[in-house]
């Protein structure tokens, strides 16, 4: 029974890492573009975050809609994604929206 539990935990960790996109095995702190409707960044910025711990539990709303709402943005100009991870055990994804 103990071997099965260890296997399930390891598979959970691997699944969490593989679905997170660009993640380093030890440390990750990257910002990548998602979309842009303009060559200029907007005057306002909004962010929304999601958090995952051990690849077992995840929480948050990191949607573009939530980030725009948090920044009081009605016209989106750019969308970026920031990924932060330590050992694949703690993962945070932030959606960054600029606009007016």
PDB file of N, CA and C in Angstrom:
ATOM      1  N   UNK A   1       0.820  -1.191   0.000  1.00  0.00           N
ATOM      2  CA  UNK A   1       0.000   0.000   0.000  1.00  0.00           C
ATOM      3  C   UNK A   1       0.870   1.264   0.000  1.00  0.00           C
ATOM      4  N   UNK A   2       1.969   1.213   0.741  1.00  0.00           N
ATOM      5  CA  UNK A   2       2.864   2.366   0.824  1.00  0.00           C
ATOM      6  C   UNK A   2       3.481   2.678  -0.546  1.00  0.00           C
ATOM      7  N   UNK A   3       3.844   1.634  -1.309  1.00  0.00           N
ATOM      8  CA  UNK A   3       4.423   1.835  -2.639  1.00  0.00           C
ATOM      9  C   UNK A   3       3.423   2.497  -3.583  1.00  0.00           C
ATOM     10  N   UNK A   4       2.170   2.114  -3.478  1.00  0.00           N
ATOM     11  CA  UNK A   4       1.131   2.704  -4.328  1.00  0.00           C
ATOM     12  C   UNK A   4       0.971   4.187  -4.001  1.00  0.00           C
ATOM     13  N   UNK A   5       0.976   4.532  -2.721  1.00  0.00           N
ATOM     14  CA  UNK A   5       0.847   5.925  -2.307  1.00  0.00           C
ATOM     15  C   UNK A   5       2.023   6.754  -2.821  1.00  0.00           C
ATOM     16  N   UNK A   6       3.235   6.234  -2.718  1.00  0.00           N
ATOM     17  CA  UNK A   6       4.418   6.935  -3.223  1.00  0.00           C
ATOM     18  C   UNK A   6       4.313   7.136  -4.729  1.00  0.00           C
ATOM     19  N   UNK A   7       3.862   6.121  -5.450  1.00  0.00           N
ATOM     20  CA  UNK A   7       3.706   6.221  -6.893  1.00  0.00           C
ATOM     21  C   UNK A   7       2.671   7.278  -7.265  1.00  0.00           C
ATOM     22  N   UNK A   8       1.565   7.323  -6.569  1.00  0.00           N
ATOM     23  CA  UNK A   8       0.520   8.310  -6.842  1.00  0.00           C
ATOM     24  C   UNK A   8       1.047   9.720  -6.597  1.00  0.00           C
ATOM     25  N   UNK A   9       1.780   9.929  -5.509  1.00  0.00           N
ATOM     26  CA  UNK A   9       2.346  11.244  -5.208  1.00  0.00           C
ATOM     27  C   UNK A   9       3.347  11.658  -6.283  1.00  0.00           C
ATOM     28  N   UNK A  10       4.220  10.760  -6.687  1.00  0.00           N
ATOM     29  CA  UNK A  10       5.202  11.078  -7.731  1.00  0.00           C
ATOM     30  C   UNK A  10       4.532  11.403  -9.054  1.00  0.00           C
ATOM     31  N   UNK A  11       3.533  10.639  -9.431  1.00  0.00           N
ATOM     32  CA  UNK A  11       2.805  10.926 -10.672  1.00  0.00           C
ATOM     33  C   UNK A  11       2.085  12.268 -10.587  1.00  0.00           C
ATOM     34  N   UNK A  12       1.550  12.586  -9.431  1.00  0.00           N
ATOM     35  CA  UNK A  12       0.910  13.884  -9.234  1.00  0.00           C
ATOM     36  C   UNK A  12       1.886  15.030  -9.400  1.00  0.00           C
ATOM     37  N   UNK A  13       3.090  14.859  -8.865  1.00  0.00           N
ATOM     38  CA  UNK A  13       4.117  15.888  -9.018  1.00  0.00           C
ATOM     39  C   UNK A  13       4.510  16.064 -10.476  1.00  0.00           C
ATOM     40  N   UNK A  14       4.702  14.976 -11.178  1.00  0.00           N
ATOM     41  CA  UNK A  14       5.076  15.050 -12.583  1.00  0.00           C
ATOM     42  C   UNK A  14       3.972  15.652 -13.427  1.00  0.00           C
ATOM     43  N   UNK A  15       2.741  15.303 -13.161  1.00  0.00           N
ATOM     44  CA  UNK A  15       1.620  15.849 -13.916  1.00  0.00           C
ATOM     45  C   UNK A  15       1.498  17.345 -13.674  1.00  0.00           C
ATOM     46  N   UNK A  16       1.719  17.780 -12.443  1.00  0.00           N
ATOM     47  CA  UNK A  16       1.657  19.198 -12.138  1.00  0.00           C
ATOM     48  C   UNK A  16       2.713  19.985 -12.879  1.00  0.00           C
ATOM     49  N   UNK A  17       3.901  19.432 -13.005  1.00  0.00           N
ATOM     50  CA  UNK A  17       4.993  20.123 -13.687  1.00  0.00           C
ATOM     51  C   UNK A  17       4.784  20.151 -15.192  1.00  0.00           C
ATOM     52  N   UNK A  18       4.298  19.064 -15.753  1.00  0.00           N
ATOM     53  CA  UNK A  18       4.185  18.997 -17.204  1.00  0.00           C
ATOM     54  C   UNK A  18       3.084  19.899 -17.733  1.00  0.00           C
ATOM     55  N   UNK A  19       2.098  20.224 -16.929  1.00  0.00           N
ATOM     56  CA  UNK A  19       1.014  21.068 -17.408  1.00  0.00           C
ATOM     57  C   UNK A  19       1.272  22.549 -17.171  1.00  0.00           C
ATOM     58  N   UNK A  20       2.373  22.878 -16.525  1.00  0.00           N
ATOM     59  CA  UNK A  20       2.622  24.270 -16.146  1.00  0.00           C
ATOM     60  C   UNK A  20       3.322  25.070 -17.236  1.00  0.00           C
ATOM     61  N   UNK A  21       3.697  24.473 -18.351  1.00  0.00           N
ATOM     62  CA  UNK A  21       4.372  25.204 -19.408  1.00  0.00           C
ATOM     63  C   UNK A  21       5.871  25.228 -19.188  1.00  0.00           C
ATOM     64  N   UNK A  22       6.481  26.398 -19.339  1.00  0.00           N
ATOM     65  CA  UNK A  22       7.924  26.566 -19.214  1.00  0.00           C
ATOM     66  C   UNK A  22       8.317  26.585 -17.740  1.00  0.00           C
ATOM     67  N   UNK A  23       8.778  25.447 -17.229  1.00  0.00           N
ATOM     68  CA  UNK A  23       9.143  25.330 -15.816  1.00  0.00           C
ATOM     69  C   UNK A  23      10.497  24.650 -15.703  1.00  0.00           C
ATOM     70  N   UNK A  24      11.433  25.273 -14.984  1.00  0.00           N
ATOM     71  CA  UNK A  24      12.722  24.662 -14.712  1.00  0.00           C
ATOM     72  C   UNK A  24      12.586  23.643 -13.596  1.00  0.00           C
ATOM     73  N   UNK A  25      13.458  22.673 -13.553  1.00  0.00           N
ATOM     74  CA  UNK A  25      13.376  21.625 -12.552  1.00  0.00           C
ATOM     75  C   UNK A  25      13.622  22.099 -11.132  1.00  0.00           C
ATOM     76  N   UNK A  26      14.453  23.122 -10.974  1.00  0.00           N
ATOM     77  CA  UNK A  26      14.785  23.619  -9.641  1.00  0.00           C
ATOM     78  C   UNK A  26      14.129  24.975  -9.366  1.00  0.00           C
ATOM     79  N   UNK A  27      14.239  25.896 -10.319  1.00  0.00           N
ATOM     80  CA  UNK A  27      13.722  27.243 -10.099  1.00  0.00           C
ATOM     81  C   UNK A  27      13.261  27.834 -11.418  1.00  0.00           C
ATOM     82  N   UNK A  28      12.141  28.517 -11.398  1.00  0.00           N
ATOM     83  CA  UNK A  28      11.612  29.202 -12.578  1.00  0.00           C
ATOM     84  C   UNK A  28      11.078  30.561 -12.172  1.00  0.00           C
ATOM     85  N   UNK A  29      11.411  31.570 -12.941  1.00  0.00           N
ATOM     86  CA  UNK A  29      10.841  32.902 -12.779  1.00  0.00           C
ATOM     87  C   UNK A  29      10.878  33.562 -14.152  1.00  0.00           C
ATOM     88  N   UNK A  30       9.868  33.274 -14.985  1.00  0.00           N
ATOM     89  CA  UNK A  30       9.838  33.768 -16.360  1.00  0.00           C
ATOM     90  C   UNK A  30       8.520  34.477 -16.650  1.00  0.00           C
ATOM     91  N   UNK A  31       8.592  35.433 -17.562  1.00  0.00           N
ATOM     92  CA  UNK A  31       7.403  36.101 -18.081  1.00  0.00           C
ATOM     93  C   UNK A  31       7.382  35.886 -19.578  1.00  0.00           C
ATOM     94  N   UNK A  32       6.248  35.391 -20.088  1.00  0.00           N
ATOM     95  CA  UNK A  32       6.118  35.101 -21.509  1.00  0.00           C
ATOM     96  C   UNK A  32       4.879  35.797 -22.065  1.00  0.00           C
ATOM     97  N   UNK A  33       4.935  36.178 -23.339  1.00  0.00           N
ATOM     98  CA  UNK A  33       3.774  36.830 -23.939  1.00  0.00           C
ATOM     99  C   UNK A  33       2.681  35.819 -24.261  1.00  0.00           C
ATOM    100  N   UNK A  34       1.437  36.268 -24.181  1.00  0.00           N
ATOM    101  CA  UNK A  34       0.300  35.438 -24.553  1.00  0.00           C
ATOM    102  C   UNK A  34      -0.371  36.018 -25.786  1.00  0.00           C
ATOM    103  N   UNK A  35      -0.665  37.333 -25.738  1.00  0.00           N
ATOM    104  CA  UNK A  35      -1.385  37.963 -26.841  1.00  0.00           C
ATOM    105  C   UNK A  35      -1.192  39.471 -26.774  1.00  0.00           C
ATOM    106  N   UNK A  36      -1.313  40.119 -27.927  1.00  0.00           N
ATOM    107  CA  UNK A  36      -1.271  41.580 -27.982  1.00  0.00           C
ATOM    108  C   UNK A  36      -2.194  42.040 -29.102  1.00  0.00           C
ATOM    109  N   UNK A  37      -2.980  43.060 -28.823  1.00  0.00           N
ATOM    110  CA  UNK A  37      -3.849  43.632 -29.848  1.00  0.00           C
ATOM    111  C   UNK A  37      -3.338  44.993 -30.283  1.00  0.00           C
ATOM    112  N   UNK A  38      -2.193  45.393 -29.735  1.00  0.00           N
ATOM    113  CA  UNK A  38      -1.623  46.697 -30.032  1.00  0.00           C
ATOM    114  C   UNK A  38      -0.110  46.619 -29.878  1.00  0.00           C
ATOM    115  N   UNK A  39       0.591  47.565 -30.508  1.00  0.00           N
ATOM    116  CA  UNK A  39       2.043  47.654 -30.334  1.00  0.00           C
ATOM    117  C   UNK A  39       2.402  48.368 -29.046  1.00  0.00           C
ATOM    118  N   UNK A  40       1.416  48.966 -28.394  1.00  0.00           N
ATOM    119  CA  UNK A  40       1.652  49.720 -27.170  1.00  0.00           C
ATOM    120  C   UNK A  40       1.022  49.009 -25.976  1.00  0.00           C
ATOM    121  N   UNK A  41       1.656  49.166 -24.830  1.00  0.00           N
ATOM    122  CA  UNK A  41       1.067  48.664 -23.591  1.00  0.00           C
ATOM    123  C   UNK A  41       0.022  49.673 -23.138  1.00  0.00           C
ATOM    124  N   UNK A  42      -0.969  49.194 -22.430  1.00  0.00           N
ATOM    125  CA  UNK A  42      -2.012  50.075 -21.931  1.00  0.00           C
ATOM    126  C   UNK A  42      -1.564  50.885 -20.735  1.00  0.00           C
ATOM    127  N   UNK A  43      -2.343  51.892 -20.392  1.00  0.00           N
ATOM    128  CA  UNK A  43      -2.030  52.763 -19.260  1.00  0.00           C
ATOM    129  C   UNK A  43      -2.297  52.070 -17.925  1.00  0.00           C
ATOM    130  N   UNK A  44      -3.217  51.106 -17.912  1.00  0.00           N
ATOM    131  CA  UNK A  44      -3.576  50.395 -16.680  1.00  0.00           C
ATOM    132  C   UNK A  44      -3.032  48.964 -16.729  1.00  0.00           C
ATOM    133  N   UNK A  45      -2.761  48.406 -15.554  1.00  0.00           N
ATOM    134  CA  UNK A  45      -2.303  47.022 -15.454  1.00  0.00           C
ATOM    135  C   UNK A  45      -3.163  46.290 -14.432  1.00  0.00           C
ATOM    136  N   UNK A  46      -3.555  45.077 -14.779  1.00  0.00           N
ATOM    137  CA  UNK A  46      -4.292  44.226 -13.859  1.00  0.00           C
ATOM    138  C   UNK A  46      -3.647  42.851 -13.807  1.00  0.00           C
ATOM    139  N   UNK A  47      -3.678  42.228 -12.643  1.00  0.00           N
ATOM    140  CA  UNK A  47      -3.103  40.896 -12.497  1.00  0.00           C
ATOM    141  C   UNK A  47      -4.096  39.954 -11.822  1.00  0.00           C
ATOM    142  N   UNK A  48      -3.915  38.670 -12.087  1.00  0.00           N
ATOM    143  CA  UNK A  48      -4.705  37.623 -11.443  1.00  0.00           C
ATOM    144  C   UNK A  48      -3.780  36.428 -11.244  1.00  0.00           C
ATOM    145  N   UNK A  49      -3.889  35.738 -10.084  1.00  0.00           N
ATOM    146  CA  UNK A  49      -2.946  34.670  -9.740  1.00  0.00           C
ATOM    147  C   UNK A  49      -3.630  33.342  -9.444  1.00  0.00           C
ATOM    148  N   UNK A  50      -2.905  32.271  -9.772  1.00  0.00           N
ATOM    149  CA  UNK A  50      -3.263  30.908  -9.386  1.00  0.00           C
ATOM    150  C   UNK A  50      -2.056  30.308  -8.670  1.00  0.00           C
ATOM    151  N   UNK A  51      -2.319  29.407  -7.750  1.00  0.00           N
ATOM    152  CA  UNK A  51      -1.266  28.803  -6.944  1.00  0.00           C
ATOM    153  C   UNK A  51      -1.459  27.298  -6.897  1.00  0.00           C
ATOM    154  N   UNK A  52      -0.368  26.566  -7.029  1.00  0.00           N
ATOM    155  CA  UNK A  52      -0.391  25.111  -6.914  1.00  0.00           C
ATOM    156  C   UNK A  52       0.686  24.678  -5.928  1.00  0.00           C
ATOM    157  N   UNK A  53       0.318  23.767  -5.036  1.00  0.00           N
ATOM    158  CA  UNK A  53       1.264  23.260  -4.047  1.00  0.00           C
ATOM    159  C   UNK A  53       1.394  21.753  -4.219  1.00  0.00           C
ATOM    160  N   UNK A  54       2.620  21.287  -4.412  1.00  0.00           N
ATOM    161  CA  UNK A  54       2.952  19.869  -4.567  1.00  0.00           C
ATOM    162  C   UNK A  54       2.294  19.213  -5.783  1.00  0.00           C
ATOM    163  N   UNK A  55       1.716  20.019  -6.674  1.00  0.00           N
ATOM    164  CA  UNK A  55       1.022  19.446  -7.823  1.00  0.00           C
ATOM    165  C   UNK A  55      -0.224  18.687  -7.407  1.00  0.00           C
ATOM    166  N   UNK A  56      -0.618  18.840  -6.148  1.00  0.00           N
ATOM    167  CA  UNK A  56      -1.771  18.111  -5.621  1.00  0.00           C
ATOM    168  C   UNK A  56      -2.975  19.030  -5.491  1.00  0.00           C
ATOM    169  N   UNK A  57      -2.756  20.237  -4.993  1.00  0.00           N
ATOM    170  CA  UNK A  57      -3.851  21.183  -4.782  1.00  0.00           C
ATOM    171  C   UNK A  57      -3.539  22.475  -5.525  1.00  0.00           C
ATOM    172  N   UNK A  58      -4.556  23.016  -6.186  1.00  0.00           N
ATOM    173  CA  UNK A  58      -4.403  24.277  -6.906  1.00  0.00           C
ATOM    174  C   UNK A  58      -5.619  25.150  -6.629  1.00  0.00           C
ATOM    175  N   UNK A  59      -5.380  26.470  -6.591  1.00  0.00           N
ATOM    176  CA  UNK A  59      -6.465  27.390  -6.319  1.00  0.00           C
ATOM    177  C   UNK A  59      -6.204  28.717  -7.016  1.00  0.00           C
ATOM    178  N   UNK A  60      -7.266  29.478  -7.219  1.00  0.00           N
ATOM    179  CA  UNK A  60      -7.135  30.813  -7.783  1.00  0.00           C
ATOM    180  C   UNK A  60      -7.859  30.962  -9.101  1.00  0.00           C
ATOM    181  N   UNK A  61      -7.953  32.200  -9.534  1.00  0.00           N
ATOM    182  CA  UNK A  61      -8.542  32.542 -10.827  1.00  0.00           C
ATOM    183  C   UNK A  61      -7.526  33.402 -11.556  1.00  0.00           C
ATOM    184  N   UNK A  62      -6.772  32.810 -12.464  1.00  0.00           N
ATOM    185  CA  UNK A  62      -5.755  33.556 -13.207  1.00  0.00           C
ATOM    186  C   UNK A  62      -6.199  33.777 -14.650  1.00  0.00           C
ATOM    187  N   UNK A  63      -7.505  33.972 -14.836  1.00  0.00           N
ATOM    188  CA  UNK A  63      -8.036  34.203 -16.177  1.00  0.00           C
ATOM    189  C   UNK A  63      -7.759  35.636 -16.624  1.00  0.00           C
ATOM    190  N   UNK A  64      -7.817  35.839 -17.914  1.00  0.00           N
ATOM    191  CA  UNK A  64      -7.657  37.178 -18.479  1.00  0.00           C
ATOM    192  C   UNK A  64      -8.777  38.080 -17.973  1.00  0.00           C
ATOM    193  N   UNK A  65      -9.977  37.541 -17.911  1.00  0.00           N
ATOM    194  CA  UNK A  65     -11.134  38.304 -17.432  1.00  0.00           C
ATOM    195  C   UNK A  65     -10.912  38.798 -15.991  1.00  0.00           C
ATOM    196  N   UNK A  66     -10.397  37.938 -15.119  1.00  0.00           N
ATOM    197  CA  UNK A  66     -10.144  38.333 -13.732  1.00  0.00           C
ATOM    198  C   UNK A  66      -9.057  39.404 -13.657  1.00  0.00           C
ATOM    199  N   UNK A  67      -8.004  39.271 -14.448  1.00  0.00           N
ATOM    200  CA  UNK A  67      -6.926  40.263 -14.442  1.00  0.00           C
ATOM    201  C   UNK A  67      -7.430  41.611 -14.937  1.00  0.00           C
ATOM    202  N   UNK A  68      -8.238  41.606 -16.002  1.00  0.00           N
ATOM    203  CA  UNK A  68      -8.792  42.860 -16.516  1.00  0.00           C
ATOM    204  C   UNK A  68      -9.706  43.506 -15.485  1.00  0.00           C
ATOM    205  N   UNK A  69     -10.523  42.718 -14.829  1.00  0.00           N
ATOM    206  CA  UNK A  69     -11.420  43.245 -13.795  1.00  0.00           C
ATOM    207  C   UNK A  69     -10.629  43.836 -12.633  1.00  0.00           C
ATOM    208  N   UNK A  70      -9.563  43.145 -12.206  1.00  0.00           N
ATOM    209  CA  UNK A  70      -8.727  43.630 -11.105  1.00  0.00           C
ATOM    210  C   UNK A  70      -8.018  44.935 -11.444  1.00  0.00           C
ATOM    211  N   UNK A  71      -7.761  45.178 -12.723  1.00  0.00           N
ATOM    212  CA  UNK A  71      -7.109  46.415 -13.149  1.00  0.00           C
ATOM    213  C   UNK A  71      -8.079  47.457 -13.667  1.00  0.00           C
ATOM    214  N   UNK A  72      -9.382  47.165 -13.570  1.00  0.00           N
ATOM    215  CA  UNK A  72     -10.419  48.073 -14.075  1.00  0.00           C
ATOM    216  C   UNK A  72     -10.173  48.397 -15.553  1.00  0.00           C
ATOM    217  N   UNK A  73      -9.903  47.354 -16.338  1.00  0.00           N
ATOM    218  CA  UNK A  73      -9.570  47.493 -17.752  1.00  0.00           C
ATOM    219  C   UNK A  73     -10.755  47.038 -18.598  1.00  0.00           C
ATOM    220  N   UNK A  74     -11.157  47.878 -19.541  1.00  0.00           N
ATOM    221  CA  UNK A  74     -12.251  47.518 -20.453  1.00  0.00           C
ATOM    222  C   UNK A  74     -11.748  47.243 -21.867  1.00  0.00           C
ATOM    223  N   UNK A  75     -10.588  47.791 -22.228  1.00  0.00           N
ATOM    224  CA  UNK A  75      -9.990  47.575 -23.547  1.00  0.00           C
ATOM    225  C   UNK A  75      -8.600  46.967 -23.353  1.00  0.00           C
ATOM    226  N   UNK A  76      -8.469  45.677 -23.636  1.00  0.00           N
ATOM    227  CA  UNK A  76      -7.203  44.956 -23.411  1.00  0.00           C
ATOM    228  C   UNK A  76      -6.243  45.206 -24.561  1.00  0.00           C
ATOM    229  N   UNK A  77      -5.003  45.538 -24.209  1.00  0.00           N
ATOM    230  CA  UNK A  77      -3.957  45.751 -25.220  1.00  0.00           C
ATOM    231  C   UNK A  77      -2.954  44.604 -25.247  1.00  0.00           C
ATOM    232  N   UNK A  78      -2.480  44.140 -24.067  1.00  0.00           N
ATOM    233  CA  UNK A  78      -1.517  43.039 -24.016  1.00  0.00           C
ATOM    234  C   UNK A  78      -1.875  42.072 -22.890  1.00  0.00           C
ATOM    235  N   UNK A  79      -1.460  40.826 -23.082  1.00  0.00           N
ATOM    236  CA  UNK A  79      -1.618  39.799 -22.053  1.00  0.00           C
ATOM    237  C   UNK A  79      -0.298  39.039 -21.961  1.00  0.00           C
ATOM    238  N   UNK A  80       0.250  38.954 -20.755  1.00  0.00           N
ATOM    239  CA  UNK A  80       1.470  38.197 -20.494  1.00  0.00           C
ATOM    240  C   UNK A  80       1.192  37.197 -19.378  1.00  0.00           C
ATOM    241  N   UNK A  81       2.044  36.178 -19.301  1.00  0.00           N
ATOM    242  CA  UNK A  81       1.934  35.176 -18.245  1.00  0.00           C
ATOM    243  C   UNK A  81       3.276  35.097 -17.525  1.00  0.00           C
ATOM    244  N   UNK A  82       3.241  35.191 -16.203  1.00  0.00           N
ATOM    245  CA  UNK A  82       4.450  35.038 -15.395  1.00  0.00           C
ATOM    246  C   UNK A  82       4.342  33.729 -14.635  1.00  0.00           C
ATOM    247  N   UNK A  83       5.396  32.908 -14.720  1.00  0.00           N
ATOM    248  CA  UNK A  83       5.433  31.624 -14.033  1.00  0.00           C
ATOM    249  C   UNK A  83       6.568  31.635 -13.029  1.00  0.00           C
ATOM    250  N   UNK A  84       6.237  31.288 -11.790  1.00  0.00           N
ATOM    251  CA  UNK A  84       7.224  31.187 -10.716  1.00  0.00           C
ATOM    252  C   UNK A  84       7.104  29.799 -10.110  1.00  0.00           C
ATOM    253  N   UNK A  85       8.243  29.114  -9.964  1.00  0.00           N
ATOM    254  CA  UNK A  85       8.216  27.755  -9.426  1.00  0.00           C
ATOM    255  C   UNK A  85       9.501  27.470  -8.664  1.00  0.00           C
ATOM    256  N   UNK A  86       9.358  26.763  -7.550  1.00  0.00           N
ATOM    257  CA  UNK A  86      10.506  26.311  -6.771  1.00  0.00           C
ATOM    258  C   UNK A  86      10.400  24.794  -6.638  1.00  0.00           C
ATOM    259  N   UNK A  87      11.349  24.093  -7.233  1.00  0.00           N
ATOM    260  CA  UNK A  87      11.428  22.640  -7.194  1.00  0.00           C
ATOM    261  C   UNK A  87      10.166  21.944  -7.714  1.00  0.00           C
ATOM    262  N   UNK A  88       9.317  22.662  -8.418  1.00  0.00           N
ATOM    263  CA  UNK A  88       8.066  22.086  -8.901  1.00  0.00           C
ATOM    264  C   UNK A  88       7.092  21.801  -7.779  1.00  0.00           C
ATOM    265  N   UNK A  89       7.451  22.171  -6.562  1.00  0.00           N
ATOM    266  CA  UNK A  89       6.599  21.924  -5.406  1.00  0.00           C
ATOM    267  C   UNK A  89       5.672  23.099  -5.141  1.00  0.00           C
ATOM    268  N   UNK A  90       6.153  24.299  -5.405  1.00  0.00           N
ATOM    269  CA  UNK A  90       5.372  25.517  -5.254  1.00  0.00           C
ATOM    270  C   UNK A  90       5.344  26.206  -6.602  1.00  0.00           C
ATOM    271  N   UNK A  91       4.167  26.374  -7.169  1.00  0.00           N
ATOM    272  CA  UNK A  91       4.022  26.998  -8.486  1.00  0.00           C
ATOM    273  C   UNK A  91       3.001  28.125  -8.401  1.00  0.00           C
ATOM    274  N   UNK A  92       3.351  29.251  -9.006  1.00  0.00           N
ATOM    275  CA  UNK A  92       2.437  30.383  -9.065  1.00  0.00           C
ATOM    276  C   UNK A  92       2.389  30.888 -10.490  1.00  0.00           C
ATOM    277  N   UNK A  93       1.191  31.054 -11.016  1.00  0.00           N
ATOM    278  CA  UNK A  93       1.023  31.611 -12.362  1.00  0.00           C
ATOM    279  C   UNK A  93       0.250  32.909 -12.242  1.00  0.00           C
ATOM    280  N   UNK A  94       0.799  33.967 -12.845  1.00  0.00           N
ATOM    281  CA  UNK A  94       0.163  35.283 -12.814  1.00  0.00           C
ATOM    282  C   UNK A  94      -0.138  35.705 -14.237  1.00  0.00           C
ATOM    283  N   UNK A  95      -1.375  36.100 -14.479  1.00  0.00           N
ATOM    284  CA  UNK A  95      -1.766  36.671 -15.762  1.00  0.00           C
ATOM    285  C   UNK A  95      -1.702  38.190 -15.614  1.00  0.00           C
ATOM    286  N   UNK A  96      -0.991  38.847 -16.545  1.00  0.00           N
ATOM    287  CA  UNK A  96      -0.796  40.290 -16.493  1.00  0.00           C
ATOM    288  C   UNK A  96      -1.452  40.894 -17.728  1.00  0.00           C
ATOM    289  N   UNK A  97      -2.417  41.769 -17.515  1.00  0.00           N
ATOM    290  CA  UNK A  97      -3.154  42.401 -18.597  1.00  0.00           C
ATOM    291  C   UNK A  97      -2.909  43.897 -18.548  1.00  0.00           C
ATOM    292  N   UNK A  98      -2.628  44.515 -19.706  1.00  0.00           N
ATOM    293  CA  UNK A  98      -2.564  45.971 -19.770  1.00  0.00           C
ATOM    294  C   UNK A  98      -3.654  46.456 -20.723  1.00  0.00           C
ATOM    295  N   UNK A  99      -4.091  47.653 -20.515  1.00  0.00           N
ATOM    296  CA  UNK A  99      -5.131  48.231 -21.370  1.00  0.00           C
ATOM    297  C   UNK A  99      -5.618  49.542 -20.813  1.00  0.00           C
ATOM    298  N   UNK A 100      -6.791  49.928 -21.277  1.00  0.00           N
ATOM    299  CA  UNK A 100      -7.389  51.202 -20.846  1.00  0.00           C
ATOM    300  C   UNK A 100      -8.758  50.939 -20.248  1.00  0.00           C
TER     301      UNK A 100
END
